[in-house]
Protein backbone atom coordinates (compact mmCIF):
# COMPACT_ATOMS: atom_id res chain seq x y z
CA MET A 1 0.00 0.17 -0.08
CA THR A 2 1.28 3.60 -0.63
CA SER A 3 0.25 7.02 0.18
CA ALA A 4 0.12 9.88 -1.42
CA ALA A 5 -0.65 13.76 -0.19
CA VAL A 6 -2.79 15.61 -3.20
CA ASP A 7 -3.51 18.92 -3.67
CA ARG A 8 -5.54 20.47 -0.81
CA PRO A 9 -8.89 21.43 -2.30
CA SER A 10 -9.16 25.18 -2.23
CA VAL A 11 -11.37 26.41 0.48
CA ASP A 12 -12.68 29.31 1.55
CA ALA A 13 -10.69 31.09 4.49
CA SER A 14 -13.32 31.53 6.64
CA ALA A 15 -13.97 27.58 6.33
CA PRO A 16 -13.28 25.63 8.99
CA ARG A 17 -10.39 22.67 8.85
CA ARG A 18 -12.49 19.49 10.57
CA GLY A 19 -10.29 16.46 9.35
CA ARG A 20 -9.29 14.49 6.14
CA VAL A 21 -10.69 12.55 2.96
CA LEU A 22 -8.37 9.32 2.82
CA LEU A 23 -9.04 8.66 -1.41
CA ALA A 24 -9.00 4.66 -2.12
CA ALA A 25 -7.14 3.94 -5.21
CA PRO A 26 -8.18 1.76 -7.24
CA ARG A 27 -11.61 3.12 -7.32
CA GLY A 28 -14.28 4.60 -10.42
CA TYR A 29 -13.86 3.11 -14.11
CA CYS A 30 -12.92 -0.34 -15.14
CA ALA A 31 -11.21 -1.50 -18.16
CA GLY A 32 -15.23 -3.22 -19.37
CA VAL A 33 -17.06 -0.27 -18.13
CA ASP A 34 -15.06 1.88 -19.68
CA ARG A 35 -15.13 0.04 -23.05
CA ALA A 36 -19.02 -0.45 -22.99
CA VAL A 37 -19.71 3.05 -22.73
CA VAL A 38 -17.10 4.57 -25.18
CA ALA A 39 -19.18 1.98 -27.70
CA VAL A 40 -22.33 4.28 -26.86
CA GLU A 41 -20.57 7.25 -27.59
CA LYS A 42 -18.80 6.07 -30.60
CA ALA A 43 -21.44 4.33 -32.29
CA LEU A 44 -24.02 7.30 -31.81
CA GLU A 45 -21.17 9.60 -33.11
CA HIS A 46 -21.09 7.10 -36.11
CA TYR A 47 -24.47 5.76 -36.75
CA GLY A 48 -26.52 8.97 -35.09
CA ALA A 49 -29.29 8.69 -32.75
CA PRO A 50 -30.96 6.73 -31.58
CA VAL A 51 -29.23 3.65 -30.83
CA TYR A 52 -30.75 1.27 -28.44
CA VAL A 53 -29.42 -0.10 -25.56
CA ARG A 54 -30.97 -3.48 -23.75
CA LYS A 55 -30.70 -2.69 -20.53
CA GLU A 56 -28.28 0.03 -18.96
CA ILE A 57 -25.17 0.31 -20.26
CA VAL A 58 -23.80 -0.19 -16.89
CA HIS A 59 -24.93 0.20 -13.82
CA ASN A 60 -24.52 4.11 -13.10
CA ARG A 61 -27.53 6.62 -12.98
CA HIS A 62 -25.42 9.43 -14.25
CA VAL A 63 -23.70 7.45 -17.26
CA VAL A 64 -27.11 6.13 -18.55
CA GLU A 65 -28.88 9.59 -18.18
CA THR A 66 -25.80 11.43 -19.85
CA LEU A 67 -26.12 8.93 -22.91
CA ALA A 68 -29.68 9.25 -23.14
CA ALA A 69 -29.18 12.82 -23.38
CA ARG A 70 -26.97 12.34 -26.67
CA GLY A 71 -29.45 10.02 -28.36
CA ALA A 72 -29.50 6.51 -26.37
CA VAL A 73 -32.72 4.89 -25.76
CA PHE A 74 -32.06 1.97 -22.72
CA VAL A 75 -34.72 -0.74 -23.47
CA ASP A 76 -35.21 -3.75 -21.33
CA GLU A 77 -36.15 -5.86 -23.97
CA THR A 78 -35.26 -6.96 -27.55
CA ASP A 79 -39.17 -6.24 -28.67
CA GLU A 80 -39.34 -2.71 -27.89
CA VAL A 81 -36.60 -2.19 -29.85
CA PRO A 82 -37.85 -1.26 -33.93
CA GLU A 83 -37.14 -4.13 -36.86
CA GLY A 84 -33.56 -3.36 -38.43
CA ALA A 85 -32.04 -1.03 -35.83
CA ARG A 86 -28.95 -0.93 -34.05
CA LEU A 87 -29.00 -2.59 -30.31
CA VAL A 88 -25.95 -2.67 -28.21
CA PHE A 89 -25.95 -5.52 -25.51
CA SER A 90 -24.96 -4.34 -21.77
CA ALA A 91 -22.00 -4.80 -20.23
CA HIS A 92 -22.95 -7.52 -18.38
CA GLY A 93 -23.79 -9.91 -21.09
CA VAL A 94 -26.40 -11.65 -22.22
CA SER A 95 -27.89 -14.98 -22.94
CA PRO A 96 -28.02 -17.15 -26.11
CA ALA A 97 -31.93 -16.32 -26.16
CA VAL A 98 -31.53 -13.00 -26.37
CA ARG A 99 -29.54 -12.75 -29.09
CA SER A 100 -31.40 -15.27 -30.90
CA ALA A 101 -34.23 -12.65 -30.34
CA ALA A 102 -32.69 -9.73 -31.57
CA ASP A 103 -31.64 -11.39 -34.74
CA ALA A 104 -35.21 -12.84 -35.62
CA ARG A 105 -36.21 -8.78 -35.42
CA GLY A 106 -32.88 -8.40 -37.79
CA LEU A 107 -31.19 -6.01 -35.28
CA GLN A 108 -28.07 -5.01 -36.06
CA THR A 109 -26.05 -5.56 -32.97
CA ILE A 110 -22.99 -4.59 -31.21
CA ASP A 111 -21.82 -6.78 -27.88
CA ALA A 112 -20.22 -4.37 -25.43
CA THR A 113 -20.68 -7.11 -22.79
CA CYS A 114 -17.50 -7.40 -20.45
CA PRO A 115 -14.89 -9.67 -21.95
CA LEU A 116 -14.58 -11.34 -18.53
CA VAL A 117 -18.11 -11.67 -18.26
CA THR A 118 -17.79 -13.63 -21.62
CA LYS A 119 -14.65 -15.49 -19.79
CA VAL A 120 -17.75 -16.85 -17.34
CA HIS A 121 -20.18 -17.35 -20.09
CA LYS A 122 -17.49 -19.69 -21.78
CA GLU A 123 -16.61 -21.45 -19.02
CA ALA A 124 -20.38 -22.16 -18.22
CA VAL A 125 -20.88 -23.77 -21.80
CA ARG A 126 -17.94 -26.21 -21.36
CA PHE A 127 -18.83 -27.69 -17.72
CA ALA A 128 -22.34 -28.04 -19.31
CA ALA A 129 -21.11 -29.88 -22.05
CA ASP A 130 -19.12 -32.06 -19.99
CA ASP A 131 -22.75 -32.61 -18.20
CA MET A 132 -21.78 -30.96 -15.13
CA ASP A 133 -23.69 -29.75 -12.45
CA ILE A 134 -22.58 -25.97 -12.01
CA LEU A 135 -23.26 -24.16 -8.96
CA LEU A 136 -23.47 -20.23 -10.44
CA ILE A 137 -22.03 -18.09 -6.85
CA GLY A 138 -24.51 -14.59 -7.55
CA HIS A 139 -27.14 -12.40 -7.22
CA ASP A 140 -30.53 -13.89 -8.65
CA GLY A 141 -32.03 -11.37 -11.04
CA HIS A 142 -29.08 -9.23 -11.50
CA GLU A 143 -28.90 -9.16 -15.50
CA GLU A 144 -25.03 -10.97 -15.37
CA VAL A 145 -26.28 -13.64 -13.50
CA GLU A 146 -29.22 -13.80 -15.56
CA GLY A 147 -27.24 -13.68 -18.80
CA THR A 148 -24.63 -16.58 -17.66
CA GLN A 149 -27.37 -19.17 -16.39
CA GLY A 150 -29.10 -18.68 -19.96
CA GLU A 151 -25.69 -20.19 -21.73
CA ALA A 152 -26.86 -23.78 -19.41
CA PRO A 153 -29.86 -23.54 -17.91
CA GLU A 154 -30.64 -27.44 -17.36
CA HIS A 155 -26.85 -27.50 -15.73
CA ILE A 156 -26.96 -23.74 -13.81
CA GLN A 157 -28.02 -23.52 -10.27
CA VAL A 158 -27.88 -19.81 -8.78
CA VAL A 159 -26.24 -19.61 -5.03
CA ASN A 160 -27.34 -16.51 -3.47
CA SER A 161 -24.89 -16.46 -0.56
CA PRO A 162 -23.48 -18.62 2.20
CA ASP A 163 -27.05 -19.60 3.66
CA ALA A 164 -28.59 -20.52 0.32
CA VAL A 165 -25.89 -23.81 0.21
CA ASP A 166 -28.01 -26.01 2.58
CA ASP A 167 -30.84 -26.15 -0.20
CA ILE A 168 -28.63 -26.94 -3.23
CA GLU A 169 -28.71 -30.47 -4.47
CA VAL A 170 -27.38 -31.75 -7.32
CA ARG A 171 -27.23 -35.03 -9.56
CA ASP A 172 -23.70 -36.61 -8.81
CA PRO A 173 -21.45 -34.72 -5.96
CA GLU A 174 -18.61 -35.61 -7.69
CA ARG A 175 -19.29 -33.96 -10.76
CA VAL A 176 -19.77 -30.62 -9.25
CA VAL A 177 -18.37 -26.96 -10.45
CA TRP A 178 -18.78 -23.36 -9.10
CA ILE A 179 -18.62 -20.52 -11.18
CA SER A 180 -19.16 -16.23 -9.78
CA GLN A 181 -20.44 -13.23 -11.18
CA THR A 182 -17.66 -10.77 -11.22
CA THR A 183 -19.12 -8.28 -9.19
CA LEU A 184 -19.36 -10.12 -5.89
CA SER A 185 -17.83 -9.46 -2.44
CA VAL A 186 -14.36 -11.52 -2.48
CA ASP A 187 -14.94 -12.64 1.31
CA GLU A 188 -18.39 -13.56 0.81
CA THR A 189 -17.54 -15.73 -2.32
CA MET A 190 -14.52 -17.63 -0.36
CA GLU A 191 -17.42 -18.17 2.45
CA THR A 192 -19.94 -19.67 0.10
CA VAL A 193 -17.00 -21.77 -1.63
CA ARG A 194 -15.81 -23.05 1.76
CA ARG A 195 -19.81 -24.35 2.40
CA LEU A 196 -20.04 -26.02 -0.59
CA ARG A 197 -17.17 -27.65 -0.11
CA GLU A 198 -18.08 -28.98 3.09
CA LYS A 199 -21.54 -30.33 1.12
CA PHE A 200 -19.25 -31.10 -1.93
CA PRO A 201 -15.66 -32.78 -1.28
CA HIS A 202 -15.17 -33.11 -4.72
CA LEU A 203 -16.37 -30.08 -5.95
CA GLN A 204 -14.40 -28.36 -8.62
CA ASP A 205 -12.98 -24.71 -8.73
CA PRO A 206 -13.00 -22.44 -12.68
CA PRO A 207 -9.72 -22.46 -14.47
CA SER A 208 -9.29 -18.94 -13.12
CA ASP A 209 -10.93 -16.57 -10.63
CA ASP A 210 -14.31 -15.02 -11.93
CA ILE A 211 -13.90 -12.43 -9.63
CA CYS A 212 -12.67 -9.54 -11.71
CA TYR A 213 -9.66 -7.91 -11.16
CA ALA A 214 -11.41 -4.33 -10.39
CA THR A 215 -13.57 -5.52 -7.91
CA GLN A 216 -11.11 -7.22 -5.99
CA ASN A 217 -8.84 -4.06 -6.50
CA ARG A 218 -11.60 -1.84 -4.83
CA GLN A 219 -12.29 -4.05 -2.54
CA VAL A 220 -8.66 -4.40 -0.99
CA ALA A 221 -8.10 -0.54 -1.42
CA VAL A 222 -10.98 -0.16 1.03
CA LYS A 223 -10.10 -3.17 3.20
CA LYS A 224 -6.56 -1.15 3.73
CA MET A 225 -8.31 2.44 4.14
CA ALA A 226 -11.12 1.66 6.37
CA PRO A 227 -9.39 1.25 9.53
CA ALA A 228 -8.39 4.67 10.01
CA CYS A 229 -11.47 6.14 8.75
CA ASP A 230 -14.49 7.40 10.82
CA VAL A 231 -16.97 7.33 7.80
CA VAL A 232 -16.46 5.86 4.19
CA ILE A 233 -18.56 7.16 1.29
CA THR A 234 -18.84 5.11 -1.30
CA VAL A 235 -20.18 6.39 -4.92
CA GLY A 236 -21.99 4.55 -7.09
CA SER A 237 -25.71 3.57 -8.03
CA LEU A 238 -27.91 1.17 -5.77
CA ASN A 239 -28.58 -1.47 -8.75
CA SER A 240 -24.30 -1.57 -9.08
CA SER A 241 -23.56 -4.96 -6.98
CA ASN A 242 -19.69 -3.98 -6.90
CA SER A 243 -20.76 -0.36 -5.55
CA VAL A 244 -22.67 -1.84 -2.62
CA ARG A 245 -20.48 -4.35 -1.88
CA LEU A 246 -17.69 -1.78 -0.81
CA VAL A 247 -19.73 -0.29 1.30
CA GLU A 248 -20.53 -3.69 3.63
CA VAL A 249 -16.34 -4.47 2.81
CA ALA A 250 -15.75 -0.77 4.50
CA LEU A 251 -17.73 -1.95 7.61
CA ASP A 252 -16.17 -5.51 7.63
CA ALA A 253 -12.80 -3.29 7.36
CA GLY A 254 -13.48 -1.73 10.31
CA ALA A 255 -14.96 1.89 9.31
CA ARG A 256 -17.35 3.30 11.87
CA THR A 257 -19.85 4.20 9.42
CA SER A 258 -20.44 3.52 5.50
CA TYR A 259 -22.51 5.37 3.03
CA ARG A 260 -23.25 4.87 -0.64
CA ILE A 261 -24.40 7.96 -2.66
CA ASP A 262 -25.02 8.56 -6.63
CA ARG A 263 -24.28 11.86 -6.44
CA ALA A 264 -22.80 14.60 -4.16
CA ASP A 265 -25.81 16.49 -2.96
CA GLU A 266 -26.94 12.76 -1.14
CA LEU A 267 -23.96 13.77 1.15
CA ASP A 268 -25.86 14.24 4.62
CA PRO A 269 -23.54 16.60 6.78
CA ALA A 270 -24.67 15.00 10.00
CA TRP A 271 -22.72 11.63 8.95
CA LEU A 272 -19.66 14.04 9.02
CA GLU A 273 -20.31 14.95 12.59
CA GLY A 274 -17.14 13.80 15.51
CA ALA A 275 -15.80 12.38 12.06
CA ALA A 276 -12.01 13.31 11.76
CA THR A 277 -10.86 11.28 8.80
CA VAL A 278 -13.50 10.52 5.87
CA GLY A 279 -12.77 7.58 3.09
CA VAL A 280 -13.83 7.95 -0.07
CA THR A 281 -14.31 5.86 -3.02
CA SER A 282 -16.24 4.41 -6.30
CA GLY A 283 -17.54 1.57 -7.67
CA ALA A 284 -16.56 0.20 -11.22
CA SER A 285 -19.32 1.95 -13.39
CA VAL A 286 -18.78 5.69 -11.75
CA PRO A 287 -17.07 8.46 -13.93
CA GLU A 288 -14.39 10.12 -12.11
CA VAL A 289 -16.19 14.10 -12.57
CA LEU A 290 -18.59 12.17 -10.03
CA VAL A 291 -16.01 11.42 -7.30
CA ASP A 292 -14.59 15.48 -8.17
CA GLU A 293 -17.87 17.02 -6.87
CA LEU A 294 -18.26 14.77 -3.85
CA LEU A 295 -14.35 15.80 -2.79
CA ALA A 296 -15.88 19.29 -3.72
CA ARG A 297 -18.65 18.97 -1.38
CA LEU A 298 -16.44 17.75 1.52
CA ALA A 299 -13.88 20.44 0.86
CA GLY A 300 -16.57 22.89 1.60
CA LEU A 301 -17.67 21.02 4.99
CA GLY A 302 -13.79 21.43 6.26
CA PHE A 303 -12.30 18.08 4.96
CA GLY A 304 -9.76 19.37 2.34
CA ASP A 305 -6.94 17.61 2.75
CA VAL A 306 -7.30 14.71 0.39
CA GLU A 307 -4.40 11.82 0.88
CA GLU A 308 -4.58 8.81 -1.63
CA VAL A 309 -4.16 5.55 -0.60
CA ARG A 310 -3.12 3.31 -3.29
CA THR A 311 -3.14 -0.62 -3.40
CA ALA A 312 -2.68 -1.32 -7.41
CA THR A 313 -1.83 0.15 -10.59
CA GLU A 314 -4.52 -0.23 -13.52
CA ASP A 315 -3.14 -0.32 -17.15
CA LEU A 316 -5.32 -3.04 -18.38
CA MET A 317 -7.47 -1.81 -21.56
CA PHE A 318 -10.09 -3.68 -23.84
CA SER A 319 -10.65 -3.46 -27.15
CA LEU A 320 -13.84 -1.58 -28.52
CA PRO A 321 -16.56 -4.24 -29.78
CA ARG A 322 -15.54 -6.03 -33.27
CA GLU A 323 -18.38 -5.15 -34.55
CA LEU A 324 -18.48 -1.53 -33.98
CA ARG A 325 -14.45 -1.65 -34.91
CA THR A 326 -15.33 -2.92 -38.35
CA ASP A 327 -17.69 -0.51 -39.51
CA LEU A 328 -15.10 2.43 -38.24
CA ARG A 329 -12.77 1.24 -40.16
CA ALA A 330 -14.83 0.60 -43.15
CA ALA A 331 -15.72 3.85 -43.17
CA GLY A 332 -11.95 5.28 -42.56
CA ALA A 333 -12.29 6.49 -39.29
CA PRO A 334 -8.91 6.32 -36.80
CA ASP A 335 -8.32 3.30 -34.64
CA ALA A 336 -11.13 3.96 -32.05
CA ARG A 337 -9.79 2.50 -28.68
CA PRO A 338 -11.71 2.91 -25.18
CA ARG A 339 -9.87 5.53 -22.91
CA ARG A 340 -8.02 5.14 -19.49
CA GLU A 341 -10.09 7.90 -18.09
CA GLY A 342 -7.87 10.39 -17.07
CA ARG A 343 -7.76 11.71 -13.45
CA ARG A 344 -8.20 15.47 -13.18
CA SER A 345 -6.86 17.34 -10.93
CA LEU A 346 -7.63 17.32 -7.12
CA ASP A 347 -7.46 21.02 -6.54
CA VAL A 348 -11.41 21.46 -6.56
CA GLN A 349 -13.44 24.58 -5.30
CA PRO A 350 -15.66 23.96 -2.30
CA VAL A 351 -19.75 23.84 -2.81
């Protein structure tokens, strides 16, 4: 773990100095989210509006509202999309049934599924081909889980939590394997695996860790930061699994209190009463501008000294979806790659 002081936010001389902010790093956009958001932006630029998107492209209200204002149309299912129109699949992935429904309507699809989610899909297909019982650790109803389960519905059972293990039955206890949703709490997932292995001693592991690098990195950073924090504030939407997990991880790691907000104006000043150190992090679908807004708000409340606590450096990038790359190149457009969202100056003004 490394800690580094950053430029202190500019504050009014009259603003009381109440405490400091520990800013977790890594935080915010992961490579899969970056790729998906840029895919919609480039599709709008190249094809023009409307571009339809099945479900939320990523689980962040600000991102969805911003793209909608540019001409993206978010729908729940393919039958809401005009025949022959262009449709982007979200970062969370879709089942084969959804792909077939899109093909039946003649939709021109762009697959923005995170490559790490695609990896889990391929694992499910391979294990099903071997006729194994597959225990998918994840949250029932989450789009990623629905997509993965749809790859092999006759072989997959969803395990929602460690306590759900008691209800799991399999055909052959010697031919069972576990896989997982990519955005879970690492600790809770390992506890679920432990209980599954107690019940099924021959339980097989996936060939590699299914919980994505970004989810793990953000949880590790919060674990390092939280013991020194009176309050930890996670920026992220309620339907963002990895953001909600960060709130829980902070509490488990020793933070006195832990909250989640979508935007800075949701911060309740009462949360800061008696606090000397406030931790700040953000989920993997959160643009850095929302963190900047929170830092500005905290500066105005007397928490203007910001120290970044870094536990890892991320440089992974994914290429844009193949369908989009092909069309951009055919049009003579320069190769477009997802950007690594810049970390703007933390010299922010209080609000």
